[in-house]
Amino acid sequence: MIGQSSFAVHIPAALGTLALAAILRVSLLEWCVLAGAIGAVLAAEVINTSIEMLAKAVTREYDPFVRDALDIASAGVMVTVVTAVVIGTLLIGNRVGILFGWW
């Protein structure tokens, strides 16, 4: 989404992961898992952005409930990102281990 700085981080990370996956020739199932993880992160960001915009539309004044809703939405993105990083690390790490004969 234009103007969302978080996408400036997520998109290059996703493209780098996909490029590395292509170089390492991951399996079809691994492609599906990586695509699902990347899609989940992007979907979480879109939902978080929609909640941020809705909060701005509801009130510009400080409201502890709005603050909490924004914090929870951001935490949801963080949980999704951490999960995606673990998935990517396991899949790519396994391929690197196989490539170098570590296992």
N, C-alpha and C. Protein backbone atom coordinates (compact mmCIF):
# COMPACT_ATOMS: atom_id res chain seq x y z
N MET A 1 0.85 -1.17 0.00
CA MET A 1 0.00 0.00 0.00
C MET A 1 0.89 1.24 0.00
N ILE A 2 0.55 2.15 -0.86
CA ILE A 2 1.33 3.37 -1.00
C ILE A 2 1.33 4.14 0.32
N GLY A 3 2.50 4.60 0.73
CA GLY A 3 2.60 5.42 1.92
C GLY A 3 2.74 4.64 3.21
N GLN A 4 2.72 3.33 3.14
CA GLN A 4 2.87 2.51 4.35
C GLN A 4 4.32 2.05 4.44
N SER A 5 5.06 2.59 5.39
CA SER A 5 6.49 2.31 5.48
C SER A 5 6.77 0.85 5.81
N SER A 6 5.83 0.18 6.47
CA SER A 6 6.06 -1.22 6.80
C SER A 6 6.20 -2.09 5.55
N PHE A 7 5.51 -1.73 4.50
CA PHE A 7 5.63 -2.48 3.26
C PHE A 7 7.01 -2.29 2.64
N ALA A 8 7.65 -1.18 2.93
CA ALA A 8 9.00 -0.93 2.43
C ALA A 8 9.99 -1.92 3.03
N VAL A 9 9.64 -2.52 4.15
CA VAL A 9 10.48 -3.55 4.77
C VAL A 9 10.03 -4.94 4.32
N HIS A 10 8.72 -5.18 4.35
CA HIS A 10 8.19 -6.52 4.08
C HIS A 10 8.40 -6.96 2.64
N ILE A 11 8.19 -6.08 1.69
CA ILE A 11 8.31 -6.46 0.28
C ILE A 11 9.74 -6.87 -0.08
N PRO A 12 10.77 -6.06 0.24
CA PRO A 12 12.13 -6.52 -0.08
C PRO A 12 12.51 -7.81 0.65
N ALA A 13 12.06 -7.97 1.89
CA ALA A 13 12.35 -9.22 2.63
C ALA A 13 11.69 -10.40 1.93
N ALA A 14 10.47 -10.22 1.48
CA ALA A 14 9.76 -11.30 0.78
C ALA A 14 10.46 -11.62 -0.54
N LEU A 15 10.82 -10.60 -1.29
CA LEU A 15 11.50 -10.83 -2.56
C LEU A 15 12.85 -11.51 -2.37
N GLY A 16 13.58 -11.10 -1.34
CA GLY A 16 14.86 -11.74 -1.05
C GLY A 16 14.69 -13.20 -0.68
N THR A 17 13.67 -13.48 0.12
CA THR A 17 13.38 -14.86 0.50
C THR A 17 13.02 -15.70 -0.71
N LEU A 18 12.17 -15.14 -1.58
CA LEU A 18 11.76 -15.87 -2.78
C LEU A 18 12.94 -16.11 -3.72
N ALA A 19 13.82 -15.12 -3.83
CA ALA A 19 15.01 -15.29 -4.68
C ALA A 19 15.91 -16.38 -4.13
N LEU A 20 16.13 -16.36 -2.82
CA LEU A 20 16.96 -17.38 -2.19
C LEU A 20 16.33 -18.76 -2.33
N ALA A 21 15.02 -18.83 -2.19
CA ALA A 21 14.30 -20.10 -2.36
C ALA A 21 14.47 -20.63 -3.78
N ALA A 22 14.44 -19.74 -4.76
CA ALA A 22 14.62 -20.16 -6.15
C ALA A 22 16.04 -20.67 -6.38
N ILE A 23 17.01 -19.96 -5.83
CA ILE A 23 18.41 -20.37 -5.98
C ILE A 23 18.64 -21.74 -5.35
N LEU A 24 18.01 -21.95 -4.19
CA LEU A 24 18.19 -23.21 -3.46
C LEU A 24 17.25 -24.32 -3.94
N ARG A 25 16.41 -24.00 -4.93
CA ARG A 25 15.50 -24.97 -5.54
C ARG A 25 14.63 -25.70 -4.51
N VAL A 26 13.85 -24.91 -3.77
CA VAL A 26 12.97 -25.52 -2.77
C VAL A 26 11.88 -26.32 -3.48
N SER A 27 11.29 -27.24 -2.75
CA SER A 27 10.26 -28.11 -3.32
C SER A 27 8.94 -27.34 -3.47
N LEU A 28 7.99 -27.94 -4.16
CA LEU A 28 6.68 -27.33 -4.35
C LEU A 28 6.00 -27.08 -3.01
N LEU A 29 6.07 -28.04 -2.12
CA LEU A 29 5.47 -27.87 -0.80
C LEU A 29 6.13 -26.72 -0.03
N GLU A 30 7.45 -26.61 -0.13
CA GLU A 30 8.16 -25.51 0.53
C GLU A 30 7.76 -24.17 -0.08
N TRP A 31 7.57 -24.12 -1.40
CA TRP A 31 7.09 -22.90 -2.05
C TRP A 31 5.73 -22.49 -1.48
N CYS A 32 4.87 -23.48 -1.32
CA CYS A 32 3.52 -23.20 -0.79
C CYS A 32 3.59 -22.66 0.63
N VAL A 33 4.43 -23.25 1.44
CA VAL A 33 4.57 -22.79 2.83
C VAL A 33 5.14 -21.38 2.86
N LEU A 34 6.17 -21.11 2.07
CA LEU A 34 6.75 -19.77 2.01
C LEU A 34 5.74 -18.75 1.51
N ALA A 35 5.00 -19.10 0.46
CA ALA A 35 3.98 -18.19 -0.07
C ALA A 35 2.90 -17.91 0.98
N GLY A 36 2.51 -18.93 1.71
CA GLY A 36 1.52 -18.74 2.77
C GLY A 36 2.02 -17.83 3.87
N ALA A 37 3.28 -18.00 4.27
CA ALA A 37 3.87 -17.16 5.32
C ALA A 37 3.97 -15.71 4.86
N ILE A 38 4.42 -15.51 3.63
CA ILE A 38 4.54 -14.15 3.09
C ILE A 38 3.15 -13.52 2.95
N GLY A 39 2.21 -14.28 2.44
CA GLY A 39 0.84 -13.77 2.30
C GLY A 39 0.23 -13.41 3.64
N ALA A 40 0.49 -14.21 4.67
CA ALA A 40 -0.04 -13.93 6.00
C ALA A 40 0.51 -12.63 6.56
N VAL A 41 1.80 -12.38 6.35
CA VAL A 41 2.41 -11.13 6.83
C VAL A 41 1.78 -9.94 6.11
N LEU A 42 1.65 -10.03 4.80
CA LEU A 42 1.08 -8.92 4.03
C LEU A 42 -0.38 -8.69 4.41
N ALA A 43 -1.13 -9.78 4.61
CA ALA A 43 -2.53 -9.65 5.03
C ALA A 43 -2.62 -9.01 6.41
N ALA A 44 -1.75 -9.41 7.32
CA ALA A 44 -1.75 -8.82 8.67
C ALA A 44 -1.46 -7.33 8.59
N GLU A 45 -0.54 -6.93 7.72
CA GLU A 45 -0.23 -5.50 7.55
C GLU A 45 -1.42 -4.73 7.00
N VAL A 46 -2.12 -5.32 6.04
CA VAL A 46 -3.29 -4.66 5.47
C VAL A 46 -4.38 -4.48 6.54
N ILE A 47 -4.60 -5.51 7.35
CA ILE A 47 -5.59 -5.42 8.42
C ILE A 47 -5.17 -4.37 9.44
N ASN A 48 -3.89 -4.37 9.81
CA ASN A 48 -3.39 -3.38 10.75
C ASN A 48 -3.58 -1.96 10.21
N THR A 49 -3.27 -1.77 8.95
CA THR A 49 -3.44 -0.45 8.33
C THR A 49 -4.90 -0.03 8.32
N SER A 50 -5.79 -0.98 8.05
CA SER A 50 -7.22 -0.63 8.05
C SER A 50 -7.69 -0.23 9.45
N ILE A 51 -7.17 -0.89 10.48
CA ILE A 51 -7.54 -0.52 11.85
C ILE A 51 -6.97 0.85 12.20
N GLU A 52 -5.76 1.14 11.75
CA GLU A 52 -5.18 2.47 11.98
C GLU A 52 -6.03 3.55 11.33
N MET A 53 -6.45 3.32 10.09
CA MET A 53 -7.26 4.32 9.39
C MET A 53 -8.64 4.46 10.02
N LEU A 54 -9.22 3.36 10.44
CA LEU A 54 -10.51 3.42 11.12
C LEU A 54 -10.39 4.19 12.42
N ALA A 55 -9.31 3.97 13.15
CA ALA A 55 -9.10 4.70 14.41
C ALA A 55 -9.01 6.20 14.15
N LYS A 56 -8.33 6.60 13.09
CA LYS A 56 -8.23 8.02 12.75
C LYS A 56 -9.58 8.59 12.35
N ALA A 57 -10.41 7.78 11.72
CA ALA A 57 -11.74 8.24 11.31
C ALA A 57 -12.67 8.39 12.50
N VAL A 58 -12.48 7.57 13.52
CA VAL A 58 -13.36 7.59 14.69
C VAL A 58 -13.03 8.77 15.58
N THR A 59 -11.75 8.97 15.89
CA THR A 59 -11.38 10.08 16.77
C THR A 59 -9.93 10.44 16.56
N ARG A 60 -9.66 11.72 16.72
CA ARG A 60 -8.28 12.20 16.69
C ARG A 60 -7.79 12.47 18.12
N GLU A 61 -8.68 12.36 19.07
CA GLU A 61 -8.33 12.58 20.47
C GLU A 61 -7.80 11.29 21.08
N TYR A 62 -7.05 11.45 22.16
CA TYR A 62 -6.51 10.28 22.85
C TYR A 62 -7.65 9.47 23.44
N ASP A 63 -7.61 8.18 23.17
CA ASP A 63 -8.60 7.26 23.73
C ASP A 63 -7.87 5.96 24.08
N PRO A 64 -7.91 5.55 25.34
CA PRO A 64 -7.17 4.35 25.72
C PRO A 64 -7.65 3.09 25.00
N PHE A 65 -8.92 3.03 24.65
CA PHE A 65 -9.43 1.86 23.92
C PHE A 65 -8.90 1.82 22.50
N VAL A 66 -8.84 2.98 21.86
CA VAL A 66 -8.27 3.05 20.51
C VAL A 66 -6.79 2.72 20.56
N ARG A 67 -6.09 3.26 21.56
CA ARG A 67 -4.66 2.95 21.72
C ARG A 67 -4.46 1.44 21.87
N ASP A 68 -5.26 0.81 22.72
CA ASP A 68 -5.13 -0.63 22.93
C ASP A 68 -5.43 -1.41 21.66
N ALA A 69 -6.44 -1.00 20.92
CA ALA A 69 -6.79 -1.67 19.66
C ALA A 69 -5.63 -1.57 18.66
N LEU A 70 -5.02 -0.39 18.59
CA LEU A 70 -3.88 -0.22 17.69
C LEU A 70 -2.69 -1.06 18.13
N ASP A 71 -2.45 -1.13 19.43
CA ASP A 71 -1.35 -1.94 19.95
C ASP A 71 -1.57 -3.43 19.67
N ILE A 72 -2.80 -3.87 19.85
CA ILE A 72 -3.13 -5.28 19.61
C ILE A 72 -2.98 -5.63 18.13
N ALA A 73 -3.43 -4.74 17.26
CA ALA A 73 -3.29 -4.97 15.82
C ALA A 73 -1.82 -5.04 15.42
N SER A 74 -1.01 -4.15 16.00
CA SER A 74 0.43 -4.17 15.72
C SER A 74 1.07 -5.45 16.25
N ALA A 75 0.63 -5.90 17.41
CA ALA A 75 1.16 -7.14 17.98
C ALA A 75 0.81 -8.33 17.08
N GLY A 76 -0.37 -8.29 16.48
CA GLY A 76 -0.75 -9.34 15.54
C GLY A 76 0.18 -9.41 14.35
N VAL A 77 0.58 -8.24 13.87
CA VAL A 77 1.55 -8.21 12.76
C VAL A 77 2.88 -8.80 13.24
N MET A 78 3.30 -8.42 14.43
CA MET A 78 4.58 -8.91 14.94
C MET A 78 4.58 -10.43 15.11
N VAL A 79 3.50 -10.98 15.62
CA VAL A 79 3.40 -12.43 15.77
C VAL A 79 3.48 -13.10 14.40
N THR A 80 2.80 -12.53 13.42
CA THR A 80 2.81 -13.10 12.06
C THR A 80 4.21 -13.02 11.45
N VAL A 81 4.89 -11.89 11.65
CA VAL A 81 6.24 -11.72 11.11
C VAL A 81 7.20 -12.70 11.76
N VAL A 82 7.15 -12.83 13.08
CA VAL A 82 8.05 -13.76 13.76
C VAL A 82 7.81 -15.20 13.27
N THR A 83 6.55 -15.56 13.12
CA THR A 83 6.22 -16.89 12.62
C THR A 83 6.78 -17.09 11.21
N ALA A 84 6.62 -16.09 10.36
CA ALA A 84 7.14 -16.18 8.99
C ALA A 84 8.66 -16.29 8.98
N VAL A 85 9.31 -15.57 9.86
CA VAL A 85 10.78 -15.64 9.94
C VAL A 85 11.22 -17.03 10.38
N VAL A 86 10.53 -17.60 11.34
CA VAL A 86 10.86 -18.96 11.79
C VAL A 86 10.67 -19.95 10.64
N ILE A 87 9.54 -19.84 9.95
CA ILE A 87 9.28 -20.73 8.81
C ILE A 87 10.37 -20.58 7.74
N GLY A 88 10.67 -19.35 7.37
CA GLY A 88 11.70 -19.10 6.36
C GLY A 88 13.06 -19.60 6.78
N THR A 89 13.41 -19.38 8.04
CA THR A 89 14.70 -19.83 8.55
C THR A 89 14.80 -21.35 8.53
N LEU A 90 13.73 -22.02 8.94
CA LEU A 90 13.74 -23.48 8.92
C LEU A 90 13.86 -24.04 7.50
N LEU A 91 13.05 -23.49 6.59
CA LEU A 91 13.08 -24.01 5.21
C LEU A 91 14.39 -23.69 4.50
N ILE A 92 14.79 -22.44 4.56
CA ILE A 92 16.03 -22.03 3.88
C ILE A 92 17.24 -22.65 4.58
N GLY A 93 17.21 -22.65 5.91
CA GLY A 93 18.32 -23.26 6.67
C GLY A 93 18.49 -24.73 6.35
N ASN A 94 17.38 -25.43 6.23
CA ASN A 94 17.43 -26.85 5.86
C ASN A 94 18.07 -27.02 4.49
N ARG A 95 17.67 -26.19 3.54
CA ARG A 95 18.23 -26.29 2.19
C ARG A 95 19.72 -25.97 2.18
N VAL A 96 20.13 -24.98 2.96
CA VAL A 96 21.55 -24.63 3.04
C VAL A 96 22.32 -25.78 3.69
N GLY A 97 21.73 -26.38 4.73
CA GLY A 97 22.37 -27.53 5.38
C GLY A 97 22.56 -28.69 4.42
N ILE A 98 21.55 -28.95 3.61
CA ILE A 98 21.64 -30.02 2.61
C ILE A 98 22.71 -29.67 1.57
N LEU A 99 22.72 -28.41 1.12
CA LEU A 99 23.67 -27.97 0.10
C LEU A 99 25.12 -28.16 0.56
N PHE A 100 25.38 -27.82 1.82
CA PHE A 100 26.75 -27.92 2.34
C PHE A 100 27.04 -29.26 3.01
N GLY A 101 26.10 -30.18 2.96
CA GLY A 101 26.32 -31.51 3.50
C GLY A 101 26.39 -31.56 5.01
N TRP A 102 25.75 -30.62 5.69
CA TRP A 102 25.78 -30.60 7.14
C TRP A 102 24.85 -31.67 7.72
N TRP A 103 23.86 -32.10 6.94
CA TRP A 103 22.97 -33.19 7.34
C TRP A 103 22.36 -33.82 6.13
